[in-house]
Amino acid sequence: MILQGYEQQIQNGRILRHAYGYYEGDFEHDERMRLLDLTYHYKYFMEEQTSALPWDKQHLYFRADDDQRTIMSGQVLLRGLFDELVMDKFYDDGTYPHVVVHTADRNRDIMD
């Protein structure tokens, strides 16, 4: 991936977070656009540390064909989407999230 594509995918992730991310009690955000509950992040760091995080498998399904460029673009998009959240977790406990990448062989892929 070239630098321009990398920067575009980071920006795309941030745009998606702004469009679809919300916090519990955020009444200014259009209810129909609430897809990414960032409240889990807030509760994890500010309260109990037992809530699920937005990138946990019950909240996120990352699917790509088996082309390296597609997988890499998705990974960079996720970095833009969860940018500050991931860094907060890293500074808190020294770990990065593990996101499973579900792939399918291009010649058998049913999502064309």
N, C-alpha and C. Protein backbone atom coordinates (compact mmCIF):
# COMPACT_ATOMS: atom_id res chain seq x y z
N MET A 1 0.85 -1.17 0.00
CA MET A 1 0.00 0.00 0.00
C MET A 1 0.90 1.24 0.00
N ILE A 2 0.56 2.18 -0.85
CA ILE A 2 1.34 3.41 -0.89
C ILE A 2 0.84 4.35 0.20
N LEU A 3 1.65 5.34 0.52
CA LEU A 3 1.34 6.26 1.61
C LEU A 3 0.00 6.96 1.40
N GLN A 4 -0.29 7.37 0.18
CA GLN A 4 -1.55 8.06 -0.09
C GLN A 4 -2.75 7.16 0.25
N GLY A 5 -2.69 5.89 -0.14
CA GLY A 5 -3.76 4.96 0.16
C GLY A 5 -3.89 4.71 1.65
N TYR A 6 -2.75 4.62 2.34
CA TYR A 6 -2.74 4.44 3.79
C TYR A 6 -3.45 5.60 4.48
N GLU A 7 -3.09 6.81 4.10
CA GLU A 7 -3.69 8.00 4.70
C GLU A 7 -5.18 8.09 4.39
N GLN A 8 -5.57 7.69 3.18
CA GLN A 8 -6.99 7.71 2.82
C GLN A 8 -7.78 6.73 3.68
N GLN A 9 -7.24 5.55 3.91
CA GLN A 9 -7.95 4.55 4.71
C GLN A 9 -8.05 4.98 6.18
N ILE A 10 -7.00 5.60 6.70
CA ILE A 10 -7.06 6.15 8.07
C ILE A 10 -8.20 7.17 8.15
N GLN A 11 -8.25 8.06 7.18
CA GLN A 11 -9.29 9.08 7.16
C GLN A 11 -10.68 8.45 7.00
N ASN A 12 -10.80 7.43 6.16
CA ASN A 12 -12.08 6.74 6.00
C ASN A 12 -12.55 6.13 7.33
N GLY A 13 -11.64 5.54 8.08
CA GLY A 13 -11.99 4.99 9.38
C GLY A 13 -12.47 6.05 10.34
N ARG A 14 -11.81 7.20 10.34
CA ARG A 14 -12.23 8.30 11.21
C ARG A 14 -13.60 8.83 10.82
N ILE A 15 -13.84 8.90 9.51
CA ILE A 15 -15.15 9.35 9.03
C ILE A 15 -16.25 8.37 9.47
N LEU A 16 -15.97 7.09 9.36
CA LEU A 16 -16.94 6.08 9.80
C LEU A 16 -17.20 6.18 11.30
N ARG A 17 -16.14 6.39 12.09
CA ARG A 17 -16.32 6.53 13.54
C ARG A 17 -17.19 7.73 13.85
N HIS A 18 -16.95 8.83 13.16
CA HIS A 18 -17.74 10.04 13.39
C HIS A 18 -19.20 9.84 12.98
N ALA A 19 -19.41 9.13 11.87
CA ALA A 19 -20.77 8.93 11.36
C ALA A 19 -21.55 7.91 12.18
N TYR A 20 -20.91 6.83 12.60
CA TYR A 20 -21.63 5.71 13.20
C TYR A 20 -21.32 5.45 14.67
N GLY A 21 -20.31 6.10 15.22
CA GLY A 21 -19.96 5.90 16.62
C GLY A 21 -20.79 6.79 17.52
N TYR A 22 -21.13 6.28 18.68
CA TYR A 22 -21.92 7.06 19.63
C TYR A 22 -21.63 6.57 21.05
N TYR A 23 -22.01 7.37 22.00
CA TYR A 23 -21.91 7.02 23.41
C TYR A 23 -23.31 6.94 24.00
N GLU A 24 -23.48 6.09 24.98
CA GLU A 24 -24.77 5.96 25.66
C GLU A 24 -25.19 7.34 26.17
N GLY A 25 -26.43 7.72 25.90
CA GLY A 25 -26.92 9.02 26.33
C GLY A 25 -26.62 10.14 25.35
N ASP A 26 -26.01 9.82 24.21
CA ASP A 26 -25.70 10.81 23.19
C ASP A 26 -26.96 11.03 22.35
N PHE A 27 -27.73 12.03 22.71
CA PHE A 27 -29.01 12.26 22.05
C PHE A 27 -28.89 13.13 20.81
N GLU A 28 -27.72 13.70 20.57
CA GLU A 28 -27.53 14.51 19.37
C GLU A 28 -27.23 13.66 18.15
N HIS A 29 -26.87 12.42 18.35
CA HIS A 29 -26.53 11.52 17.26
C HIS A 29 -27.80 10.86 16.74
N ASP A 30 -28.02 10.92 15.44
CA ASP A 30 -29.21 10.32 14.83
C ASP A 30 -29.30 8.84 15.20
N GLU A 31 -30.39 8.47 15.80
CA GLU A 31 -30.57 7.10 16.31
C GLU A 31 -30.41 6.04 15.21
N ARG A 32 -30.78 6.37 13.98
CA ARG A 32 -30.67 5.41 12.88
C ARG A 32 -29.22 5.16 12.48
N MET A 33 -28.33 6.02 12.89
CA MET A 33 -26.92 5.90 12.52
C MET A 33 -26.08 5.28 13.62
N ARG A 34 -26.67 4.80 14.67
CA ARG A 34 -25.95 4.26 15.82
C ARG A 34 -25.56 2.80 15.57
N LEU A 35 -24.36 2.60 15.07
CA LEU A 35 -23.88 1.26 14.78
C LEU A 35 -22.68 0.86 15.64
N LEU A 36 -21.92 1.81 16.10
CA LEU A 36 -20.68 1.54 16.82
C LEU A 36 -20.78 2.14 18.22
N ASP A 37 -21.11 1.31 19.18
CA ASP A 37 -21.30 1.78 20.55
C ASP A 37 -19.93 1.95 21.22
N LEU A 38 -19.52 3.19 21.39
CA LEU A 38 -18.23 3.49 22.01
C LEU A 38 -18.34 3.56 23.53
N THR A 39 -19.55 3.36 24.05
CA THR A 39 -19.77 3.37 25.49
C THR A 39 -18.96 2.26 26.15
N TYR A 40 -18.82 1.14 25.46
CA TYR A 40 -18.05 0.03 26.02
C TYR A 40 -16.63 0.49 26.35
N HIS A 41 -16.06 1.26 25.47
CA HIS A 41 -14.72 1.80 25.71
C HIS A 41 -14.72 2.67 26.96
N TYR A 42 -15.69 3.55 27.06
CA TYR A 42 -15.76 4.45 28.20
C TYR A 42 -15.90 3.66 29.50
N LYS A 43 -16.81 2.69 29.52
CA LYS A 43 -17.02 1.91 30.74
C LYS A 43 -15.79 1.09 31.10
N TYR A 44 -15.11 0.58 30.08
CA TYR A 44 -13.92 -0.24 30.33
C TYR A 44 -12.85 0.56 31.07
N PHE A 45 -12.62 1.77 30.63
CA PHE A 45 -11.53 2.54 31.23
C PHE A 45 -11.96 3.38 32.43
N MET A 46 -13.21 3.78 32.49
CA MET A 46 -13.61 4.70 33.54
C MET A 46 -14.33 4.03 34.70
N GLU A 47 -14.85 2.83 34.48
CA GLU A 47 -15.64 2.23 35.54
C GLU A 47 -15.13 0.84 35.90
N GLU A 48 -15.78 -0.18 35.41
CA GLU A 48 -15.59 -1.53 35.91
C GLU A 48 -14.46 -2.32 35.25
N GLN A 49 -14.10 -1.96 34.06
CA GLN A 49 -13.15 -2.71 33.24
C GLN A 49 -13.63 -4.13 32.96
N THR A 50 -14.94 -4.31 32.91
CA THR A 50 -15.48 -5.63 32.60
C THR A 50 -16.34 -5.61 31.34
N SER A 51 -16.62 -4.44 30.82
CA SER A 51 -17.47 -4.34 29.63
C SER A 51 -16.70 -4.75 28.39
N ALA A 52 -17.44 -5.18 27.39
CA ALA A 52 -16.82 -5.54 26.12
C ALA A 52 -16.36 -4.29 25.39
N LEU A 53 -15.33 -4.44 24.62
CA LEU A 53 -14.80 -3.33 23.83
C LEU A 53 -15.35 -3.40 22.41
N PRO A 54 -15.38 -2.27 21.68
CA PRO A 54 -16.02 -2.25 20.37
C PRO A 54 -15.40 -3.20 19.35
N TRP A 55 -14.16 -3.59 19.52
CA TRP A 55 -13.51 -4.48 18.57
C TRP A 55 -13.60 -5.95 18.98
N ASP A 56 -14.26 -6.24 20.09
CA ASP A 56 -14.46 -7.63 20.49
C ASP A 56 -15.32 -8.35 19.47
N LYS A 57 -15.15 -9.67 19.38
CA LYS A 57 -15.80 -10.43 18.31
C LYS A 57 -17.32 -10.38 18.33
N GLN A 58 -17.93 -10.11 19.47
CA GLN A 58 -19.38 -10.01 19.48
C GLN A 58 -19.89 -8.70 18.89
N HIS A 59 -18.98 -7.73 18.64
CA HIS A 59 -19.36 -6.43 18.09
C HIS A 59 -18.79 -6.19 16.69
N LEU A 60 -17.77 -6.93 16.30
CA LEU A 60 -17.09 -6.65 15.04
C LEU A 60 -16.82 -7.93 14.28
N TYR A 61 -17.15 -7.93 13.00
CA TYR A 61 -16.85 -9.05 12.12
C TYR A 61 -16.10 -8.48 10.93
N PHE A 62 -14.83 -8.81 10.80
CA PHE A 62 -13.95 -8.29 9.75
C PHE A 62 -13.83 -9.35 8.68
N ARG A 63 -14.35 -9.06 7.49
CA ARG A 63 -14.39 -10.02 6.40
C ARG A 63 -13.74 -9.43 5.17
N ALA A 64 -12.89 -10.22 4.51
CA ALA A 64 -12.21 -9.77 3.30
C ALA A 64 -11.95 -10.97 2.41
N ASP A 65 -11.70 -10.70 1.11
CA ASP A 65 -11.23 -11.81 0.29
C ASP A 65 -9.76 -12.06 0.63
N ASP A 66 -9.15 -13.00 0.00
CA ASP A 66 -7.79 -13.36 0.42
C ASP A 66 -6.68 -12.56 -0.27
N ASP A 67 -7.04 -11.45 -0.92
CA ASP A 67 -6.03 -10.58 -1.51
C ASP A 67 -5.35 -9.77 -0.40
N GLN A 68 -4.06 -9.73 -0.42
CA GLN A 68 -3.31 -9.02 0.62
C GLN A 68 -3.70 -7.54 0.67
N ARG A 69 -3.92 -6.93 -0.48
CA ARG A 69 -4.26 -5.50 -0.51
C ARG A 69 -5.60 -5.23 0.17
N THR A 70 -6.55 -6.16 0.01
CA THR A 70 -7.86 -6.00 0.64
C THR A 70 -7.75 -6.13 2.15
N ILE A 71 -7.02 -7.12 2.59
CA ILE A 71 -6.82 -7.31 4.03
C ILE A 71 -6.11 -6.11 4.64
N MET A 72 -5.07 -5.65 3.98
CA MET A 72 -4.30 -4.51 4.49
C MET A 72 -5.16 -3.24 4.53
N SER A 73 -5.95 -3.01 3.50
CA SER A 73 -6.82 -1.84 3.49
C SER A 73 -7.81 -1.90 4.66
N GLY A 74 -8.36 -3.06 4.92
CA GLY A 74 -9.28 -3.22 6.04
C GLY A 74 -8.61 -2.99 7.38
N GLN A 75 -7.38 -3.49 7.52
CA GLN A 75 -6.65 -3.30 8.78
C GLN A 75 -6.38 -1.82 9.03
N VAL A 76 -6.01 -1.10 8.00
CA VAL A 76 -5.73 0.33 8.16
C VAL A 76 -7.03 1.09 8.43
N LEU A 77 -8.11 0.70 7.78
CA LEU A 77 -9.41 1.31 8.05
C LEU A 77 -9.79 1.13 9.52
N LEU A 78 -9.60 -0.07 10.05
CA LEU A 78 -9.89 -0.32 11.46
C LEU A 78 -9.01 0.51 12.38
N ARG A 79 -7.78 0.73 11.96
CA ARG A 79 -6.90 1.58 12.77
C ARG A 79 -7.47 2.99 12.86
N GLY A 80 -7.95 3.52 11.74
CA GLY A 80 -8.57 4.84 11.77
C GLY A 80 -9.86 4.86 12.57
N LEU A 81 -10.61 3.77 12.48
CA LEU A 81 -11.88 3.67 13.18
C LEU A 81 -11.70 3.64 14.70
N PHE A 82 -10.71 2.90 15.17
CA PHE A 82 -10.50 2.72 16.62
C PHE A 82 -9.25 3.41 17.14
N ASP A 83 -8.71 4.34 16.39
CA ASP A 83 -7.42 4.97 16.65
C ASP A 83 -7.16 5.27 18.13
N GLU A 84 -7.87 6.24 18.69
CA GLU A 84 -7.62 6.66 20.07
C GLU A 84 -7.98 5.57 21.07
N LEU A 85 -9.00 4.79 20.75
CA LEU A 85 -9.44 3.74 21.67
C LEU A 85 -8.35 2.69 21.85
N VAL A 86 -7.72 2.32 20.75
CA VAL A 86 -6.65 1.31 20.80
C VAL A 86 -5.45 1.85 21.58
N MET A 87 -5.10 3.10 21.35
CA MET A 87 -3.95 3.67 22.05
C MET A 87 -4.23 3.77 23.55
N ASP A 88 -5.46 4.12 23.92
CA ASP A 88 -5.80 4.15 25.35
C ASP A 88 -5.61 2.78 25.98
N LYS A 89 -6.06 1.74 25.29
CA LYS A 89 -5.90 0.38 25.81
C LYS A 89 -4.43 0.01 25.91
N PHE A 90 -3.65 0.36 24.90
CA PHE A 90 -2.23 0.05 24.92
C PHE A 90 -1.53 0.73 26.10
N TYR A 91 -1.83 2.00 26.32
CA TYR A 91 -1.21 2.71 27.43
C TYR A 91 -1.69 2.18 28.77
N ASP A 92 -2.91 1.64 28.80
CA ASP A 92 -3.46 1.11 30.04
C ASP A 92 -2.83 -0.23 30.43
N ASP A 93 -2.77 -1.17 29.46
CA ASP A 93 -2.29 -2.51 29.82
C ASP A 93 -1.19 -3.07 28.91
N GLY A 94 -0.72 -2.26 27.96
CA GLY A 94 0.41 -2.69 27.12
C GLY A 94 0.06 -3.67 26.02
N THR A 95 -1.24 -3.84 25.73
CA THR A 95 -1.63 -4.78 24.68
C THR A 95 -2.43 -4.08 23.59
N TYR A 96 -2.37 -4.67 22.42
CA TYR A 96 -3.20 -4.22 21.30
C TYR A 96 -4.33 -5.23 21.12
N PRO A 97 -5.46 -4.78 20.56
CA PRO A 97 -6.55 -5.74 20.35
C PRO A 97 -6.21 -6.72 19.24
N HIS A 98 -6.77 -7.89 19.33
CA HIS A 98 -6.64 -8.90 18.28
C HIS A 98 -7.98 -8.99 17.56
N VAL A 99 -7.95 -8.69 16.27
CA VAL A 99 -9.16 -8.76 15.47
C VAL A 99 -8.98 -9.90 14.48
N VAL A 100 -9.90 -10.84 14.51
CA VAL A 100 -9.85 -11.98 13.59
C VAL A 100 -10.26 -11.51 12.20
N VAL A 101 -9.48 -11.91 11.20
CA VAL A 101 -9.79 -11.59 9.82
C VAL A 101 -10.40 -12.84 9.18
N HIS A 102 -11.65 -12.75 8.79
CA HIS A 102 -12.32 -13.86 8.11
C HIS A 102 -12.11 -13.68 6.61
N THR A 103 -11.52 -14.67 5.97
CA THR A 103 -11.23 -14.57 4.54
C THR A 103 -11.88 -15.72 3.77
N ALA A 104 -11.98 -15.51 2.48
CA ALA A 104 -12.47 -16.54 1.57
C ALA A 104 -11.59 -16.50 0.33
N ASP A 105 -11.32 -17.66 -0.25
CA ASP A 105 -10.57 -17.70 -1.49
C ASP A 105 -11.33 -16.92 -2.55
N ARG A 106 -10.60 -16.14 -3.32
CA ARG A 106 -11.23 -15.30 -4.33
C ARG A 106 -12.09 -16.12 -5.30
N ASN A 107 -11.60 -17.28 -5.73
CA ASN A 107 -12.34 -18.06 -6.71
C ASN A 107 -13.56 -18.76 -6.11
N ARG A 108 -13.66 -18.80 -4.80
CA ARG A 108 -14.84 -19.41 -4.14
C ARG A 108 -15.69 -18.37 -3.41
N ASP A 109 -15.28 -17.14 -3.46
CA ASP A 109 -15.96 -16.09 -2.73
C ASP A 109 -17.35 -15.83 -3.31
N ILE A 110 -18.34 -15.77 -2.45
CA ILE A 110 -19.70 -15.54 -2.90
C ILE A 110 -20.09 -14.07 -2.87
N MET A 111 -19.20 -13.21 -2.35
CA MET A 111 -19.51 -11.78 -2.26
C MET A 111 -18.80 -11.02 -3.37
N ASP A 112 -19.40 -11.00 -4.53
CA ASP A 112 -18.83 -10.25 -5.67
C ASP A 112 -19.57 -8.98 -5.90
